[in-house]
Structure formats: C-alpha cells, structure tokens
Amino acid sequence: MKPITSSVIIMLCTFAFATQSIAQKLASQVKPTIKQANSSENNAGTVPQFVAPISIQVLLGSQGIGVDVKYGLMSKLSGRFGFGIIPVTANNLFSFSSFPVQSQASARFSNIHLLADYTPFNTQRIRLVGGAAYLIKGSALVTVAPSGTNQFGSQTLTSDQIGSVTARANWQGIAPYLGVAFFNSFPNRMFNINLDLGTYYIASPGTSFTGTKLLANNNVNAAQFNKNMQGYCWLPVVQLNFNFRIK
C-alpha cells in the first residue's frame, strides 16, 4: 500500500503546484485589466483642467487710448490691469452772436485701473465689469477771447485790450467703475474685438474761473461756475478693446 499512497501524495502535490501556477498566471493577466478599467473610469470622471488665458488689450474710446493686461482667473472670472490717457485739444468750439470770439478747449486725463469681468450667464458674450481707477490727472480747460476789433459805445477795442476768460475744472482720486462688456472676453485664437459700456463715478471737481484785463473781475461768475460743475461726477465710458491673446 505504501507505494500506492506515496504515488497518490506525489500526484496531489503535483496537481496543487500546477493549479497554483495557473492561478498566479491568471491573476497576473487580470490585474492590468482591472487597473486599465479603473484608469478609464477615473479619466471619464475627470473635469478638464482650466488653463488661464492671458491677453493684451489696446483701448480706444471716450477715456482716450490705453493698454490693459488681461488674465483669466477662472472660467467665468477674469481681471485686467492697465492705464488710459486723454490728450485732446480743440479750437473754436464756442461762438456768440453779439461778437466774434476765438476759443480753445483741452482735456487731459490719465488713470491706472484694476477691473474684473464676471460672466453670470452660460455665454461669454455678455459680462458684468466692476472695479476702480485712480485718476492721476484729470483736467478740463476752456479759454475764450474776443477776436478782431469790437465797438463798445464810442470806443473801439482790440482783443488784446479786452482780455480773455479761462474756466478750469480738475478731478483727482479714486473713481469706482461699473459697466457691461460685450463679445468674447478672450480671443478663441489670436485676436478679437470687444466693447465696454459703463461709467466712472468721480469726485466733484475743483474749479476756477478767471479773466484778464477788462474781464478780470469774475468773482460772481466763479461762484456760479463752481456750483454748476458740482453735479459733473460721472465719466461715461464707450470703449473698443483690440484684444491680442498671448497664452
């Protein structure tokens, strides 16, 4: 019986060893498949990673010309930092029916601003814009003087003898901004154009109203001019942005 028992034991051990080898081989083949399945499931549930776009905007509009750097903070929120300047001079904008005049008007505005664009809708074509600017300089100046010779009773006076009148208004400080922007905030490829409509709220200006020679006494007019200008606290913005994407 011993030889038969020994043979059976040897056969059982050989079968067990062979079964274990087959099981290990099958397990080694199944594990990569499970890993691949888990990896596919993870990839299917992964949210696409947000890539922050960056662009440079050239500004042209009612606040003059300027440049912005624009950065995408989130899919619906971006920020922009830049500056704008207004160097405008115009001649002979005013006239009087009683006597001819020559005039010159100028505006000098410069600001640095920090604004945020937020998209409350599913479309990027309409955005709310808020922020503030710091007016480094804000001044408007108008000078009016009679031209040629003018008859006053029996006297004939030249423009040099009569003199001129100058009205000036100055703004400075922080100006909050609120507005709406239209069209895509960032170009889909390299370039696009979008539009800003809004307004800055600026402090009441400091004013002066002065004259020279025969027009020198203007205390009453200066007080009235200052009163009239106190309500001019809004600086409207109508602006085109030429947008160049760099990232």
C-alpha atoms as a PDB file:
ATOM      1  CA  MET A   1       0.000   0.000   0.000  1.00  0.00           C
ATOM      2  CA  LYS A   2       2.884   2.330   0.744  1.00  0.00           C
ATOM      3  CA  PRO A   3       3.987   2.703  -2.887  1.00  0.00           C
ATOM      4  CA  ILE A   4       0.372   3.490  -3.883  1.00  0.00           C
ATOM      5  CA  THR A   5      -0.034   6.018  -1.051  1.00  0.00           C
ATOM      6  CA  SER A   6       3.232   7.687  -1.962  1.00  0.00           C
ATOM      7  CA  SER A   7       2.195   7.901  -5.606  1.00  0.00           C
ATOM      8  CA  VAL A   8      -1.153   9.480  -4.692  1.00  0.00           C
ATOM      9  CA  ILE A   9       0.507  12.061  -2.459  1.00  0.00           C
ATOM     10  CA  ILE A  10       3.000  12.913  -5.180  1.00  0.00           C
ATOM     11  CA  MET A  11       0.179  13.309  -7.719  1.00  0.00           C
ATOM     12  CA  LEU A  12      -1.836  15.543  -5.359  1.00  0.00           C
ATOM     13  CA  CYS A  13       1.213  17.736  -4.680  1.00  0.00           C
ATOM     14  CA  THR A  14       1.944  17.979  -8.406  1.00  0.00           C
ATOM     15  CA  PHE A  15      -1.718  18.908  -9.128  1.00  0.00           C
ATOM     16  CA  ALA A  16      -1.736  21.527  -6.336  1.00  0.00           C
ATOM     17  CA  PHE A  17       1.516  23.052  -7.599  1.00  0.00           C
ATOM     18  CA  ALA A  18       0.208  23.147 -11.172  1.00  0.00           C
ATOM     19  CA  THR A  19      -3.116  24.714 -10.046  1.00  0.00           C
ATOM     20  CA  GLN A  20      -1.270  27.377  -8.047  1.00  0.00           C
ATOM     21  CA  SER A  21       0.939  28.221 -11.023  1.00  0.00           C
ATOM     22  CA  ILE A  22      -2.114  28.561 -13.286  1.00  0.00           C
ATOM     23  CA  ALA A  23      -3.894  30.776 -10.701  1.00  0.00           C
ATOM     24  CA  GLN A  24      -0.851  33.049 -10.374  1.00  0.00           C
ATOM     25  CA  LYS A  25      -0.582  33.354 -14.144  1.00  0.00           C
ATOM     26  CA  LEU A  26      -4.292  34.221 -14.470  1.00  0.00           C
ATOM     27  CA  ALA A  27      -4.036  36.797 -11.642  1.00  0.00           C
ATOM     28  CA  SER A  28      -1.079  38.476 -13.323  1.00  0.00           C
ATOM     29  CA  GLN A  29      -3.141  38.818 -16.515  1.00  0.00           C
ATOM     30  CA  VAL A  30      -6.293  40.058 -14.755  1.00  0.00           C
ATOM     31  CA  LYS A  31      -4.624  42.812 -12.617  1.00  0.00           C
ATOM     32  CA  PRO A  32      -3.525  45.005 -15.553  1.00  0.00           C
ATOM     33  CA  THR A  33      -7.034  44.702 -16.973  1.00  0.00           C
ATOM     34  CA  ILE A  34      -8.526  45.883 -13.657  1.00  0.00           C
ATOM     35  CA  LYS A  35      -6.024  48.762 -13.483  1.00  0.00           C
ATOM     36  CA  GLN A  36      -6.873  49.789 -17.027  1.00  0.00           C
ATOM     37  CA  ALA A  37     -10.591  49.682 -16.223  1.00  0.00           C
ATOM     38  CA  ASN A  38     -10.091  51.773 -13.076  1.00  0.00           C
ATOM     39  CA  SER A  39      -7.936  54.205 -15.019  1.00  0.00           C
ATOM     40  CA  SER A  40     -10.636  54.539 -17.692  1.00  0.00           C
ATOM     41  CA  GLU A  41     -13.271  55.162 -15.030  1.00  0.00           C
ATOM     42  CA  ASN A  42     -11.114  57.856 -13.386  1.00  0.00           C
ATOM     43  CA  ASN A  43     -10.443  59.562 -16.706  1.00  0.00           C
ATOM     44  CA  ALA A  44     -14.135  59.522 -17.535  1.00  0.00           C
ATOM     45  CA  GLY A  45     -14.947  61.406 -14.322  1.00  0.00           C
ATOM     46  CA  THR A  46     -12.084  63.928 -14.565  1.00  0.00           C
ATOM     47  CA  VAL A  47     -13.076  67.576 -15.119  1.00  0.00           C
ATOM     48  CA  PRO A  48     -10.993  69.261 -17.866  1.00  0.00           C
ATOM     49  CA  GLN A  49      -8.287  71.390 -16.267  1.00  0.00           C
ATOM     50  CA  PHE A  50      -8.751  75.181 -16.591  1.00  0.00           C
ATOM     51  CA  VAL A  51      -5.910  76.855 -18.469  1.00  0.00           C
ATOM     52  CA  ALA A  52      -5.645  80.560 -17.596  1.00  0.00           C
ATOM     53  CA  PRO A  53      -5.625  82.695 -20.773  1.00  0.00           C
ATOM     54  CA  ILE A  54      -3.614  85.924 -20.971  1.00  0.00           C
ATOM     55  CA  SER A  55      -4.106  88.748 -23.452  1.00  0.00           C
ATOM     56  CA  ILE A  56      -3.078  92.335 -24.112  1.00  0.00           C
ATOM     57  CA  GLN A  57      -5.787  94.884 -24.972  1.00  0.00           C
ATOM     58  CA  VAL A  58      -5.325  98.158 -26.807  1.00  0.00           C
ATOM     59  CA  LEU A  59      -8.065 100.574 -25.676  1.00  0.00           C
ATOM     60  CA  LEU A  60      -9.712 103.256 -27.783  1.00  0.00           C
ATOM     61  CA  GLY A  61     -12.755 105.248 -26.698  1.00  0.00           C
ATOM     62  CA  SER A  62     -14.186 108.037 -24.593  1.00  0.00           C
ATOM     63  CA  GLN A  63     -11.492 107.671 -21.943  1.00  0.00           C
ATOM     64  CA  GLY A  64      -8.820 108.067 -24.583  1.00  0.00           C
ATOM     65  CA  ILE A  65      -6.249 105.464 -25.500  1.00  0.00           C
ATOM     66  CA  GLY A  66      -4.544 102.905 -23.305  1.00  0.00           C
ATOM     67  CA  VAL A  67      -3.360  99.352 -22.737  1.00  0.00           C
ATOM     68  CA  ASP A  68      -4.595  96.508 -20.498  1.00  0.00           C
ATOM     69  CA  VAL A  69      -3.108  93.181 -19.477  1.00  0.00           C
ATOM     70  CA  LYS A  70      -5.942  90.690 -19.009  1.00  0.00           C
ATOM     71  CA  TYR A  71      -5.701  87.410 -17.061  1.00  0.00           C
ATOM     72  CA  GLY A  72      -8.250  84.613 -16.759  1.00  0.00           C
ATOM     73  CA  LEU A  73      -8.717  83.802 -13.066  1.00  0.00           C
ATOM     74  CA  MET A  74     -11.496  81.222 -13.547  1.00  0.00           C
ATOM     75  CA  SER A  75     -13.723  80.098 -16.395  1.00  0.00           C
ATOM     76  CA  LYS A  76     -16.214  82.890 -15.614  1.00  0.00           C
ATOM     77  CA  LEU A  77     -13.931  85.471 -13.997  1.00  0.00           C
ATOM     78  CA  SER A  78     -11.016  87.481 -15.342  1.00  0.00           C
ATOM     79  CA  GLY A  79      -9.093  90.546 -14.215  1.00  0.00           C
ATOM     80  CA  ARG A  80      -7.444  93.380 -16.079  1.00  0.00           C
ATOM     81  CA  PHE A  81      -4.898  95.996 -15.111  1.00  0.00           C
ATOM     82  CA  GLY A  82      -3.872  98.928 -17.268  1.00  0.00           C
ATOM     83  CA  PHE A  83      -3.860 102.641 -17.944  1.00  0.00           C
ATOM     84  CA  GLY A  84      -5.647 105.177 -20.134  1.00  0.00           C
ATOM     85  CA  ILE A  85      -4.852 108.742 -21.239  1.00  0.00           C
ATOM     86  CA  ILE A  86      -6.793 111.525 -22.957  1.00  0.00           C
ATOM     87  CA  PRO A  87      -4.719 114.185 -24.741  1.00  0.00           C
ATOM     88  CA  VAL A  88      -7.363 116.281 -26.539  1.00  0.00           C
ATOM     89  CA  THR A  89      -7.208 119.902 -27.759  1.00  0.00           C
ATOM     90  CA  ALA A  90      -9.836 121.593 -29.913  1.00  0.00           C
ATOM     91  CA  ASN A  91     -10.120 125.160 -31.216  1.00  0.00           C
ATOM     92  CA  ASN A  92     -13.119 127.425 -31.804  1.00  0.00           C
ATOM     93  CA  LEU A  93     -15.826 125.252 -30.278  1.00  0.00           C
ATOM     94  CA  PHE A  94     -17.780 128.268 -28.958  1.00  0.00           C
ATOM     95  CA  SER A  95     -19.402 131.252 -30.619  1.00  0.00           C
ATOM     96  CA  PHE A  96     -21.520 134.234 -29.567  1.00  0.00           C
ATOM     97  CA  SER A  97     -23.990 136.110 -31.710  1.00  0.00           C
ATOM     98  CA  SER A  98     -23.103 139.528 -30.219  1.00  0.00           C
ATOM     99  CA  PHE A  99     -19.396 139.485 -31.087  1.00  0.00           C
ATOM    100  CA  PRO A 100     -16.857 137.115 -32.637  1.00  0.00           C
ATOM    101  CA  VAL A 101     -14.613 135.073 -30.347  1.00  0.00           C
ATOM    102  CA  GLN A 102     -11.749 132.646 -30.568  1.00  0.00           C
ATOM    103  CA  SER A 103     -11.598 129.745 -28.127  1.00  0.00           C
ATOM    104  CA  GLN A 104      -9.505 126.763 -27.163  1.00  0.00           C
ATOM    105  CA  ALA A 105     -10.633 123.716 -25.170  1.00  0.00           C
ATOM    106  CA  SER A 106      -8.420 120.938 -23.857  1.00  0.00           C
ATOM    107  CA  ALA A 107      -8.810 117.827 -21.728  1.00  0.00           C
ATOM    108  CA  ARG A 108      -6.007 115.948 -20.018  1.00  0.00           C
ATOM    109  CA  PHE A 109      -6.935 112.724 -18.246  1.00  0.00           C
ATOM    110  CA  SER A 110      -4.687 109.872 -17.165  1.00  0.00           C
ATOM    111  CA  ASN A 111      -5.583 106.906 -14.976  1.00  0.00           C
ATOM    112  CA  ILE A 112      -4.497 103.468 -13.858  1.00  0.00           C
ATOM    113  CA  HIS A 113      -7.294 100.959 -13.367  1.00  0.00           C
ATOM    114  CA  LEU A 114      -7.990  97.495 -11.988  1.00  0.00           C
ATOM    115  CA  LEU A 115     -11.171  95.826 -13.271  1.00  0.00           C
ATOM    116  CA  ALA A 116     -12.832  92.403 -13.071  1.00  0.00           C
ATOM    117  CA  ASP A 117     -15.042  90.780 -15.736  1.00  0.00           C
ATOM    118  CA  TYR A 118     -17.649  88.303 -14.489  1.00  0.00           C
ATOM    119  CA  THR A 119     -19.885  86.166 -16.695  1.00  0.00           C
ATOM    120  CA  PRO A 120     -23.204  85.414 -14.946  1.00  0.00           C
ATOM    121  CA  PHE A 121     -24.611  83.534 -17.951  1.00  0.00           C
ATOM    122  CA  ASN A 122     -23.617  80.479 -19.956  1.00  0.00           C
ATOM    123  CA  THR A 123     -22.399  82.706 -22.771  1.00  0.00           C
ATOM    124  CA  GLN A 124     -19.133  84.655 -22.652  1.00  0.00           C
ATOM    125  CA  ARG A 125     -20.572  87.349 -24.900  1.00  0.00           C
ATOM    126  CA  ILE A 126     -22.124  89.390 -22.061  1.00  0.00           C
ATOM    127  CA  ARG A 127     -20.159  90.219 -18.921  1.00  0.00           C
ATOM    128  CA  LEU A 128     -20.510  92.443 -15.872  1.00  0.00           C
ATOM    129  CA  VAL A 129     -17.484  94.652 -15.213  1.00  0.00           C
ATOM    130  CA  GLY A 130     -16.588  96.294 -11.912  1.00  0.00           C
ATOM    131  CA  GLY A 131     -13.548  97.848 -10.297  1.00  0.00           C
ATOM    132  CA  ALA A 132     -11.914 101.213  -9.866  1.00  0.00           C
ATOM    133  CA  ALA A 133      -9.417 103.636 -11.348  1.00  0.00           C
ATOM    134  CA  TYR A 134      -7.078 106.134  -9.806  1.00  0.00           C
ATOM    135  CA  LEU A 135      -7.128 109.469 -11.629  1.00  0.00           C
ATOM    136  CA  ILE A 136      -3.526 110.573 -11.739  1.00  0.00           C
ATOM    137  CA  LYS A 137      -4.614 113.697 -13.588  1.00  0.00           C
ATOM    138  CA  GLY A 138      -7.988 114.966 -14.709  1.00  0.00           C
ATOM    139  CA  SER A 139      -8.359 118.475 -16.042  1.00  0.00           C
ATOM    140  CA  ALA A 140     -10.556 120.357 -18.486  1.00  0.00           C
ATOM    141  CA  LEU A 141      -9.676 123.870 -19.619  1.00  0.00           C
ATOM    142  CA  VAL A 142     -11.561 126.359 -21.796  1.00  0.00           C
ATOM    143  CA  THR A 143     -10.218 129.779 -22.812  1.00  0.00           C
ATOM    144  CA  VAL A 144     -12.394 132.307 -24.670  1.00  0.00           C
ATOM    145  CA  ALA A 145     -11.293 135.697 -26.010  1.00  0.00           C
ATOM    146  CA  PRO A 146     -12.878 138.239 -28.386  1.00  0.00           C
ATOM    147  CA  SER A 147     -11.343 138.297 -31.833  1.00  0.00           C
ATOM    148  CA  GLY A 148     -10.620 141.287 -34.075  1.00  0.00           C
ATOM    149  CA  THR A 149     -11.867 144.734 -33.017  1.00  0.00           C
ATOM    150  CA  ASN A 150     -15.085 145.371 -31.094  1.00  0.00           C
ATOM    151  CA  GLN A 151     -17.119 148.564 -30.716  1.00  0.00           C
ATOM    152  CA  PHE A 152     -18.300 149.439 -27.184  1.00  0.00           C
ATOM    153  CA  GLY A 153     -20.196 152.735 -27.395  1.00  0.00           C
ATOM    154  CA  SER A 154     -17.799 155.268 -28.769  1.00  0.00           C
ATOM    155  CA  GLN A 155     -14.751 153.103 -28.064  1.00  0.00           C
ATOM    156  CA  THR A 156     -13.160 150.612 -30.387  1.00  0.00           C
ATOM    157  CA  LEU A 157     -11.155 147.955 -28.560  1.00  0.00           C
ATOM    158  CA  THR A 158      -8.912 145.199 -29.831  1.00  0.00           C
ATOM    159  CA  SER A 159      -8.886 141.660 -28.444  1.00  0.00           C
ATOM    160  CA  ASP A 160      -5.592 142.396 -26.685  1.00  0.00           C
ATOM    161  CA  GLN A 161      -7.181 145.307 -24.842  1.00  0.00           C
ATOM    162  CA  ILE A 162     -10.278 143.346 -23.796  1.00  0.00           C
ATOM    163  CA  GLY A 163      -8.510 140.253 -22.483  1.00  0.00           C
ATOM    164  CA  SER A 164      -9.746 136.655 -22.100  1.00  0.00           C
ATOM    165  CA  VAL A 165     -11.705 134.360 -19.780  1.00  0.00           C
ATOM    166  CA  THR A 166     -10.473 130.934 -18.633  1.00  0.00           C
ATOM    167  CA  ALA A 167     -12.568 128.234 -16.955  1.00  0.00           C
ATOM    168  CA  ARG A 168     -10.837 125.221 -15.420  1.00  0.00           C
ATOM    169  CA  ALA A 169     -12.011 122.038 -13.690  1.00  0.00           C
ATOM    170  CA  ASN A 170      -9.761 119.446 -12.002  1.00  0.00           C
ATOM    171  CA  TRP A 171     -10.526 115.911 -10.823  1.00  0.00           C
ATOM    172  CA  GLN A 172      -8.286 113.535  -8.879  1.00  0.00           C
ATOM    173  CA  GLY A 173      -8.535 110.447  -6.694  1.00  0.00           C
ATOM    174  CA  ILE A 174     -10.197 107.035  -6.762  1.00  0.00           C
ATOM    175  CA  ALA A 175     -13.103 106.512  -9.167  1.00  0.00           C
ATOM    176  CA  PRO A 176     -15.279 103.344  -8.854  1.00  0.00           C
ATOM    177  CA  TYR A 177     -16.379 101.777 -12.152  1.00  0.00           C
ATOM    178  CA  LEU A 178     -19.430  99.737 -13.160  1.00  0.00           C
ATOM    179  CA  GLY A 179     -20.321  98.617 -16.654  1.00  0.00           C
ATOM    180  CA  VAL A 180     -21.197  95.891 -19.140  1.00  0.00           C
ATOM    181  CA  ALA A 181     -18.915  94.254 -21.707  1.00  0.00           C
ATOM    182  CA  PHE A 182     -19.969  92.587 -24.943  1.00  0.00           C
ATOM    183  CA  PHE A 183     -18.444  89.856 -27.132  1.00  0.00           C
ATOM    184  CA  ASN A 184     -15.901  87.238 -26.053  1.00  0.00           C
ATOM    185  CA  SER A 185     -13.553  88.283 -23.291  1.00  0.00           C
ATOM    186  CA  PHE A 186     -10.597  86.396 -24.821  1.00  0.00           C
ATOM    187  CA  PRO A 187      -9.967  85.538 -28.466  1.00  0.00           C
ATOM    188  CA  ASN A 188     -10.579  81.918 -29.420  1.00  0.00           C
ATOM    189  CA  ARG A 189      -7.351  82.055 -31.394  1.00  0.00           C
ATOM    190  CA  MET A 190      -5.201  85.169 -31.651  1.00  0.00           C
ATOM    191  CA  PHE A 191      -7.337  88.315 -31.979  1.00  0.00           C
ATOM    192  CA  ASN A 192     -10.789  89.724 -31.354  1.00  0.00           C
ATOM    193  CA  ILE A 193     -12.584  92.994 -30.616  1.00  0.00           C
ATOM    194  CA  ASN A 194     -14.931  93.556 -27.700  1.00  0.00           C
ATOM    195  CA  LEU A 195     -16.889  96.509 -26.350  1.00  0.00           C
ATOM    196  CA  ASP A 196     -17.196  98.215 -22.946  1.00  0.00           C
ATOM    197  CA  LEU A 197     -20.111 100.438 -21.877  1.00  0.00           C
ATOM    198  CA  GLY A 198     -20.093 101.909 -18.385  1.00  0.00           C
ATOM    199  CA  THR A 199     -19.194 104.853 -16.201  1.00  0.00           C
ATOM    200  CA  TYR A 200     -16.729 106.003 -13.576  1.00  0.00           C
ATOM    201  CA  TYR A 201     -18.026 107.865 -10.533  1.00  0.00           C
ATOM    202  CA  ILE A 202     -15.578 110.698  -9.927  1.00  0.00           C
ATOM    203  CA  ALA A 203     -15.377 113.237  -7.117  1.00  0.00           C
ATOM    204  CA  SER A 204     -16.715 116.761  -7.628  1.00  0.00           C
ATOM    205  CA  PRO A 205     -14.052 118.849  -9.326  1.00  0.00           C
ATOM    206  CA  GLY A 206     -12.111 121.792  -8.070  1.00  0.00           C
ATOM    207  CA  THR A 207     -12.837 124.780 -10.294  1.00  0.00           C
ATOM    208  CA  SER A 208     -11.588 128.225 -11.179  1.00  0.00           C
ATOM    209  CA  PHE A 209     -12.979 130.996 -13.394  1.00  0.00           C
ATOM    210  CA  THR A 210     -10.572 133.829 -14.116  1.00  0.00           C
ATOM    211  CA  GLY A 211     -10.178 136.702 -16.561  1.00  0.00           C
ATOM    212  CA  THR A 212      -7.562 139.172 -17.686  1.00  0.00           C
ATOM    213  CA  LYS A 213      -7.601 142.934 -18.346  1.00  0.00           C
ATOM    214  CA  LEU A 214     -11.177 144.234 -18.766  1.00  0.00           C
ATOM    215  CA  LEU A 215     -12.544 140.746 -17.970  1.00  0.00           C
ATOM    216  CA  ALA A 216     -10.610 140.347 -14.727  1.00  0.00           C
ATOM    217  CA  ASN A 217     -13.438 140.800 -12.179  1.00  0.00           C
ATOM    218  CA  ASN A 218     -15.168 137.406 -12.186  1.00  0.00           C
ATOM    219  CA  ASN A 219     -15.893 136.572  -8.534  1.00  0.00           C
ATOM    220  CA  VAL A 220     -19.641 136.172  -9.141  1.00  0.00           C
ATOM    221  CA  ASN A 221     -19.105 134.109 -12.282  1.00  0.00           C
ATOM    222  CA  ALA A 222     -16.535 131.914 -10.497  1.00  0.00           C
ATOM    223  CA  ALA A 223     -19.041 131.019  -7.744  1.00  0.00           C
ATOM    224  CA  GLN A 224     -21.745 130.165 -10.283  1.00  0.00           C
ATOM    225  CA  PHE A 225     -19.353 128.096 -12.406  1.00  0.00           C
ATOM    226  CA  ASN A 226     -18.262 126.104  -9.344  1.00  0.00           C
ATOM    227  CA  LYS A 227     -21.906 125.463  -8.421  1.00  0.00           C
ATOM    228  CA  ASN A 228     -22.726 124.297 -11.937  1.00  0.00           C
ATOM    229  CA  MET A 229     -19.796 121.874 -12.038  1.00  0.00           C
ATOM    230  CA  GLN A 230     -20.510 120.091  -8.739  1.00  0.00           C
ATOM    231  CA  GLY A 231     -23.008 117.780 -10.426  1.00  0.00           C
ATOM    232  CA  TYR A 232     -20.486 116.513 -13.001  1.00  0.00           C
ATOM    233  CA  CYS A 233     -19.473 113.350 -11.114  1.00  0.00           C
ATOM    234  CA  TRP A 234     -19.857 110.791 -13.909  1.00  0.00           C
ATOM    235  CA  LEU A 235     -17.292 109.934 -16.559  1.00  0.00           C
ATOM    236  CA  PRO A 236     -19.021 107.773 -19.229  1.00  0.00           C
ATOM    237  CA  VAL A 237     -17.033 105.042 -20.954  1.00  0.00           C
ATOM    238  CA  VAL A 238     -17.685 103.853 -24.509  1.00  0.00           C
ATOM    239  CA  GLN A 239     -14.658 101.843 -25.468  1.00  0.00           C
ATOM    240  CA  LEU A 240     -13.424  99.372 -28.084  1.00  0.00           C
ATOM    241  CA  ASN A 241     -10.843  96.812 -26.951  1.00  0.00           C
ATOM    242  CA  PHE A 242      -8.492  95.323 -29.543  1.00  0.00           C
ATOM    243  CA  ASN A 243      -7.586  92.054 -27.873  1.00  0.00           C
ATOM    244  CA  PHE A 244      -4.395  90.063 -28.667  1.00  0.00           C
ATOM    245  CA  ARG A 245      -4.091  86.688 -26.961  1.00  0.00           C
ATOM    246  CA  ILE A 246      -0.577  85.713 -25.860  1.00  0.00           C
ATOM    247  CA  LYS A 247      -1.449  82.488 -23.989  1.00  0.00           C
END
